[in-house]
Every structure is written in C-alpha cells, then in structure tokens.
Amino acid sequence: MIYKAVYRYARISPQKVRLIADLVRNKTVDEALSVLRFQPQRAARMLEQVIRSALANAEDKRAADPGRLSVVEVCVDGGPVMKRMRPKSRGMSSIILKRSSHIRVTLG
C-alpha cells in the first residue's frame, strides 16, 4: 500500500529542494528522517515535514508496520512564480523571480 503527502506552494525554489530530495530517495523512513535532521538547509525542514505527514497518513490508515515503510518517490515540481521589479540605473528595472514549489512524497 502506498501513502502520500503533498506540500503545495512552498516558498522555496524547486532546485534547492531537489538537492535534498536526492539524499532521502529510496531510504527507509527512519533513515530519511535522521539524514534530514542533520542537514542545515531550509529545504530539509520542509521535506522532513512532508515525510512526517505521509507517515501520519500511514498510521491513520492503519498501516501494518509504519516503521518498515520506505520513501518510494520524492517529486519536486515548480509552482507559481511571483514576479517583482527592482529599480536599476538609468530608469530601467530588472525582474526578480520568487519561485515556489510543490513537494510530493510517497511512502510504500
């Protein structure tokens, strides 16, 4: 049986989350949480939150042994992008892209 959790509209670039997602893919839940606990990045906190949510979903649906579950899939997709303007010299401006992401975790 598979159990899912999704964190939508996370205010962090998908590129930053993908670097951390590669560390926990295909690991057991306990191993993945311990790896994330010692990572200094902000993305690790977000990914840890989603994995804990998927684990809670598994417990809620009466999984046989939640401790033996593993992280089957971690998918990080781009979300909507907020565009902001920053003034530059000579009356020009440049665009600042504030990216967001959707983080999806599947346990099995």
Foldseek 3Di string as FASTA:
>chain_A
DKFKFKDPFAQDDLVVLVVLVVVAAFAFLVVSLVVLVPDPDPSSVVVNVRSVVRLVRCVVVPPPDSRRKGWHDKDKAWDDWDWDWDADPPRDIDIDTRTTIMIMIMID
